[in-house]
Amino acid sequence: MAFIHMNMFSEKLMRTVGVNVILPVDKLTFPGMPVREDKPYKTLYLLHGVFGSYVDWVNGTRIQRYAEEHDLVVVMPSGDNAFYVDQPKGHNYYGEFIGEELVNVTRKMFPLSKKREDTFIGGLSMGGFGALRNGLKYSDTFGYIVALSGALLVDGMPGRNNDVEMFIDSRDYAESCFGNLDELLESDKNPKYIVDQMLKAGKTFPEIYMACGTEDGLLGVNREMAAFLKDHQVNVTYEEGPGNHEWDFWDTYIKKAIEWLPTENNGQGINSGNIGS
């Protein structure tokens, strides 16, 4: 299992961005195990949450093991605290970076499939929102979306004020990410608006997997979004399980999500933690 840390210059963000990549090209199999056909890899672009970075998924979960078991490439970029949407005033086009540039650059670097049905996007919390928004907006690129404990807070943002304890709950912070909040709900920064526009245009929706912990403060908005998607004829699988907004839950459900995705399942290769009997 190759694990690559790289720094790439982003034209969409006009700066260097850290990215981690799990690349199972060096997987060594046990005798008798099937040998993978030499073909491009299916890919999951996986987004971190607020206060996080490109190291979060590797530090917090067993994503390397799950990727190896399923012959899956996983690309994990840094997205700051910006909700993965475009912010023109600061030339921070996070949405275009995730939905266009990162995909194009990594496809040039690595043996990745260019097929929509082999290209997935996922994330947790803020990254769950980013995966849902960008997976829908760039539905010609992404065939599947995974949103865990999604910070699906857009509906309440126009009513925010600054009389709050945490800056991430303030109106100023929301405006720094989403711009004019009075225009937010009727913009492509709102996943529900994108769904409505896709229906009008007759576009094909990605398949969606959502999950949230039963003790998570974001449970209500996740239930509501799942119901909205189902009411709009979007193919969504929604699950709940014990857990709060924390890594034990995300480790459990990223495994479930990868098993839900149409990946290959050839088992673990030979490594220091799996040397056979």
Protein backbone atom coordinates (compact mmCIF):
# COMPACT_ATOMS: atom_id res chain seq x y z
CA MET A 1 0.00 0.00 0.00
CA ALA A 2 1.67 3.21 -1.17
CA PHE A 3 0.94 6.30 0.89
CA ILE A 4 1.89 9.55 -0.81
CA HIS A 5 2.02 13.06 0.60
CA MET A 6 2.26 15.75 -2.04
CA ASN A 7 2.03 19.49 -2.40
CA MET A 8 0.31 20.71 -5.54
CA PHE A 9 -0.08 24.24 -6.78
CA SER A 10 -3.73 25.12 -7.29
CA GLU A 11 -4.69 27.73 -9.85
CA LYS A 12 -8.20 27.80 -8.35
CA LEU A 13 -6.79 28.77 -4.93
CA MET A 14 -3.55 30.41 -6.12
CA ARG A 15 -1.44 28.64 -3.52
CA THR A 16 0.14 25.31 -2.70
CA VAL A 17 -2.23 22.75 -1.19
CA GLY A 18 -1.34 19.64 0.82
CA VAL A 19 -2.88 16.38 -0.40
CA ASN A 20 -2.53 12.80 0.87
CA VAL A 21 -3.11 9.88 -1.51
CA ILE A 22 -3.61 6.19 -0.73
CA LEU A 23 -2.51 4.26 -3.80
CA PRO A 24 -2.70 0.43 -3.72
CA VAL A 25 -0.52 -0.10 -6.80
CA ASP A 26 2.15 -1.98 -4.79
CA LYS A 27 -0.26 -4.43 -3.16
CA LEU A 28 1.37 -7.82 -2.70
CA THR A 29 -1.08 -10.72 -2.49
CA PHE A 30 -0.88 -14.11 -0.81
CA PRO A 31 -0.47 -17.23 -2.99
CA GLY A 32 -3.82 -18.32 -4.37
CA MET A 33 -5.38 -14.85 -4.11
CA PRO A 34 -6.70 -13.32 -7.33
CA VAL A 35 -4.29 -10.91 -9.02
CA ARG A 36 -5.90 -7.62 -9.95
CA GLU A 37 -6.26 -6.87 -13.63
CA ASP A 38 -4.00 -4.07 -14.85
CA LYS A 39 -6.56 -1.31 -15.27
CA PRO A 40 -7.28 2.19 -13.90
CA TYR A 41 -8.35 2.47 -10.28
CA LYS A 42 -11.65 3.59 -8.85
CA THR A 43 -11.16 6.71 -6.74
CA LEU A 44 -12.68 8.30 -3.64
CA TYR A 45 -12.03 12.00 -3.07
CA LEU A 46 -12.41 12.29 0.71
CA LEU A 47 -12.92 15.62 2.51
CA HIS A 48 -12.15 16.51 6.14
CA GLY A 49 -14.25 18.49 8.59
CA VAL A 50 -13.88 21.92 10.16
CA PHE A 51 -10.63 22.49 12.10
CA GLY A 52 -9.14 19.58 10.12
CA SER A 53 -6.68 18.95 7.31
CA TYR A 54 -5.55 16.36 4.80
CA VAL A 55 -4.11 14.18 7.61
CA ASP A 56 -7.40 13.69 9.48
CA TRP A 57 -8.79 10.62 7.77
CA VAL A 58 -5.53 8.69 8.05
CA ASN A 59 -5.03 9.68 11.69
CA GLY A 60 -8.63 9.12 12.75
CA THR A 61 -9.72 5.99 10.86
CA ARG A 62 -8.44 2.78 9.27
CA ILE A 63 -9.02 4.21 5.80
CA GLN A 64 -5.72 2.77 4.49
CA ARG A 65 -6.80 -0.76 5.38
CA TYR A 66 -10.26 -0.30 3.88
CA ALA A 67 -8.80 1.17 0.68
CA GLU A 68 -6.36 -1.73 0.31
CA GLU A 69 -9.09 -4.32 0.83
CA HIS A 70 -11.14 -2.74 -1.97
CA ASP A 71 -8.32 -1.74 -4.36
CA LEU A 72 -9.48 1.83 -3.99
CA VAL A 73 -7.44 5.01 -4.46
CA VAL A 74 -8.30 7.66 -1.85
CA VAL A 75 -7.38 11.31 -2.38
CA MET A 76 -7.55 13.57 0.70
CA PRO A 77 -7.02 17.32 0.15
CA SER A 78 -6.92 20.21 2.59
CA GLY A 79 -9.95 22.47 2.46
CA ASP A 80 -9.32 24.83 5.39
CA ASN A 81 -12.54 25.88 7.20
CA ALA A 82 -14.21 27.03 3.99
CA PHE A 83 -17.04 24.49 3.43
CA TYR A 84 -15.65 23.60 -0.03
CA VAL A 85 -17.59 26.34 -1.84
CA ASP A 86 -16.34 29.09 -4.13
CA GLN A 87 -15.37 32.40 -2.50
CA PRO A 88 -14.54 34.83 -5.34
CA LYS A 89 -13.51 37.78 -3.13
CA GLY A 90 -10.42 35.96 -1.91
CA HIS A 91 -9.88 33.91 -5.08
CA ASN A 92 -10.71 30.83 -3.03
CA TYR A 93 -12.57 28.68 -5.53
CA TYR A 94 -12.79 25.64 -3.29
CA GLY A 95 -15.70 24.11 -5.21
CA GLU A 96 -13.90 24.33 -8.53
CA PHE A 97 -10.74 23.02 -6.89
CA ILE A 98 -12.53 19.92 -5.56
CA GLY A 99 -14.91 19.32 -8.46
CA GLU A 100 -12.59 20.08 -11.38
CA GLU A 101 -8.93 20.85 -10.72
CA LEU A 102 -8.09 18.18 -8.14
CA VAL A 103 -9.74 15.48 -10.24
CA ASN A 104 -7.95 16.58 -13.41
CA VAL A 105 -4.53 16.86 -11.77
CA THR A 106 -4.69 13.52 -9.95
CA ARG A 107 -5.88 11.77 -13.10
CA LYS A 108 -2.73 13.03 -14.82
CA MET A 109 -0.52 11.87 -11.94
CA PHE A 110 -1.98 8.46 -11.12
CA PRO A 111 -3.63 5.52 -12.95
CA LEU A 112 -7.21 6.59 -12.16
CA SER A 113 -10.36 5.72 -14.05
CA LYS A 114 -11.98 8.64 -15.84
CA LYS A 115 -15.39 7.01 -15.75
CA ARG A 116 -18.14 8.72 -13.76
CA GLU A 117 -19.23 5.41 -12.26
CA ASP A 118 -15.68 4.87 -10.90
CA THR A 119 -15.30 8.33 -9.36
CA PHE A 120 -16.64 8.98 -5.85
CA ILE A 121 -16.68 11.90 -3.42
CA GLY A 122 -17.17 11.74 0.34
CA GLY A 123 -16.54 13.55 3.58
CA LEU A 124 -17.47 14.08 7.21
CA SER A 125 -19.19 17.05 8.87
CA MET A 126 -18.11 20.12 6.85
CA GLY A 127 -16.65 17.65 4.37
CA GLY A 128 -19.98 15.81 4.25
CA PHE A 129 -21.59 19.07 3.18
CA GLY A 130 -18.78 19.64 0.66
CA ALA A 131 -19.19 16.15 -0.75
CA LEU A 132 -22.94 16.55 -1.15
CA ARG A 133 -22.76 20.04 -2.68
CA ASN A 134 -19.89 19.31 -5.05
CA GLY A 135 -21.01 15.79 -5.86
CA LEU A 136 -24.33 17.22 -7.04
CA LYS A 137 -22.87 20.29 -8.76
CA TYR A 138 -20.28 18.17 -10.59
CA SER A 139 -22.57 15.22 -11.19
CA ASP A 140 -21.03 14.64 -14.61
CA THR A 141 -17.80 13.73 -12.76
CA PHE A 142 -19.00 11.96 -9.62
CA GLY A 143 -21.24 8.92 -9.77
CA TYR A 144 -21.48 8.36 -5.99
CA ILE A 145 -21.56 10.58 -2.90
CA VAL A 146 -20.85 9.71 0.73
CA ALA A 147 -21.88 12.24 3.40
CA LEU A 148 -21.18 11.30 7.04
CA SER A 149 -22.59 13.52 9.81
CA GLY A 150 -23.00 16.25 7.22
CA ALA A 151 -22.93 19.86 8.45
CA LEU A 152 -26.07 20.59 6.42
CA LEU A 153 -26.68 23.99 7.96
CA VAL A 154 -27.51 26.17 4.96
CA ASP A 155 -31.23 26.54 5.72
CA GLY A 156 -30.53 28.29 9.02
CA MET A 157 -27.67 30.52 7.90
CA PRO A 158 -29.71 33.54 6.70
CA GLY A 159 -31.04 33.94 10.26
CA ARG A 160 -27.65 33.92 11.97
CA ASN A 161 -26.26 36.76 14.09
CA ASN A 162 -22.92 37.35 15.79
CA ASP A 163 -24.09 36.93 19.38
CA VAL A 164 -22.61 33.43 19.69
CA GLU A 165 -19.79 31.76 21.62
CA MET A 166 -18.12 29.90 18.74
CA PHE A 167 -17.05 31.79 15.62
CA ILE A 168 -18.21 28.93 13.38
CA ASP A 169 -21.78 29.65 14.48
CA SER A 170 -21.59 33.36 13.68
CA ARG A 171 -23.06 35.28 10.78
CA ASP A 172 -19.65 36.75 9.94
CA TYR A 173 -18.15 33.29 9.52
CA ALA A 174 -21.06 32.09 7.39
CA GLU A 175 -20.72 35.16 5.18
CA SER A 176 -16.98 34.60 4.83
CA CYS A 177 -17.76 31.16 3.36
CA PHE A 178 -21.06 31.65 1.55
CA GLY A 179 -21.19 35.35 0.72
CA ASN A 180 -24.51 37.22 0.89
CA LEU A 181 -26.66 35.02 3.13
CA ASP A 182 -29.86 36.62 1.83
CA GLU A 183 -29.07 35.06 -1.57
CA LEU A 184 -27.74 31.75 -0.29
CA LEU A 185 -30.82 29.55 -0.50
CA GLU A 186 -31.35 30.36 -4.20
CA SER A 187 -27.75 29.67 -5.18
CA ASP A 188 -25.64 26.68 -6.16
CA LYS A 189 -24.08 26.73 -2.69
CA ASN A 190 -27.33 25.19 -1.46
CA PRO A 191 -27.60 21.45 -2.25
CA LYS A 192 -31.41 21.65 -2.30
CA TYR A 193 -31.30 24.36 -4.96
CA ILE A 194 -28.94 22.20 -7.05
CA VAL A 195 -31.34 19.26 -6.75
CA ASP A 196 -34.22 21.41 -8.02
CA GLN A 197 -32.12 22.67 -10.95
CA MET A 198 -30.98 19.16 -11.84
CA LEU A 199 -34.59 17.94 -11.88
CA LYS A 200 -35.60 20.78 -14.19
CA ALA A 201 -32.68 19.97 -16.51
CA GLY A 202 -33.38 16.23 -16.45
CA LYS A 203 -29.89 15.42 -15.20
CA THR A 204 -28.83 12.08 -13.76
CA PHE A 205 -28.22 12.16 -10.01
CA PRO A 206 -25.29 10.47 -8.31
CA GLU A 207 -26.26 7.74 -5.87
CA ILE A 208 -25.94 8.97 -2.29
CA TYR A 209 -25.02 7.35 1.02
CA MET A 210 -25.68 9.33 4.21
CA ALA A 211 -25.13 8.37 7.84
CA CYS A 212 -25.31 10.17 11.18
CA GLY A 213 -24.92 9.20 14.84
CA THR A 214 -28.02 9.08 17.02
CA GLU A 215 -26.31 11.28 19.63
CA ASP A 216 -25.02 13.78 17.08
CA GLY A 217 -26.32 17.35 17.23
CA LEU A 218 -26.56 17.28 13.43
CA LEU A 219 -28.96 14.33 13.42
CA GLY A 220 -32.02 16.47 12.70
CA VAL A 221 -30.63 18.21 9.63
CA ASN A 222 -29.34 14.90 8.25
CA ARG A 223 -32.73 13.25 8.65
CA GLU A 224 -34.37 16.24 6.99
CA MET A 225 -31.95 16.21 4.03
CA ALA A 226 -32.37 12.48 3.51
CA ALA A 227 -36.15 12.94 3.47
CA PHE A 228 -35.83 15.85 1.02
CA LEU A 229 -33.70 13.77 -1.34
CA LYS A 230 -36.11 10.83 -1.22
CA ASP A 231 -39.07 13.16 -1.84
CA HIS A 232 -37.25 14.42 -4.95
CA GLN A 233 -36.66 10.94 -6.36
CA VAL A 234 -32.94 10.92 -5.57
CA ASN A 235 -31.52 7.46 -4.82
CA VAL A 236 -30.27 7.86 -1.24
CA THR A 237 -29.30 5.25 1.35
CA TYR A 238 -29.60 6.73 4.84
CA GLU A 239 -28.37 5.04 8.02
CA GLU A 240 -28.15 5.91 11.69
CA GLY A 241 -26.19 4.25 14.46
CA PRO A 242 -24.95 4.81 18.00
CA GLY A 243 -22.43 7.60 18.21
CA ASN A 244 -21.75 11.28 18.47
CA HIS A 245 -19.77 13.64 16.22
CA GLU A 246 -16.53 11.66 16.61
CA TRP A 247 -14.02 9.34 15.01
CA ASP A 248 -15.32 6.02 16.29
CA PHE A 249 -18.55 6.65 14.41
CA TRP A 250 -16.77 7.84 11.26
CA ASP A 251 -14.40 4.87 11.26
CA THR A 252 -17.36 2.49 11.45
CA TYR A 253 -19.35 4.24 8.76
CA ILE A 254 -16.61 4.98 6.25
CA LYS A 255 -16.10 1.21 6.23
CA LYS A 256 -19.83 0.71 5.62
CA ALA A 257 -19.78 3.40 2.95
CA ILE A 258 -16.87 1.81 1.09
CA GLU A 259 -18.68 -1.53 1.22
CA TRP A 260 -21.73 0.26 -0.24
CA LEU A 261 -19.68 1.77 -3.08
CA PRO A 262 -19.22 -0.33 -6.24
CA THR A 263 -15.59 -1.11 -5.43
CA GLU A 264 -13.50 -4.19 -6.00
CA ASN A 265 -13.11 -6.47 -2.99
CA ASN A 266 -9.93 -8.53 -3.22
CA GLY A 267 -8.90 -8.53 0.45
CA GLN A 268 -5.83 -7.26 2.22
CA GLY A 269 -2.40 -7.72 0.76
CA ILE A 270 0.76 -8.75 2.57
CA ASN A 271 1.83 -6.09 5.06
CA SER A 272 3.31 -5.76 8.53
CA GLY A 273 -0.08 -6.28 10.12
CA ASN A 274 -1.20 -9.10 7.84
CA ILE A 275 1.60 -11.59 7.16
CA GLY A 276 -0.48 -14.74 7.05
CA SER A 277 -0.35 -17.84 9.19
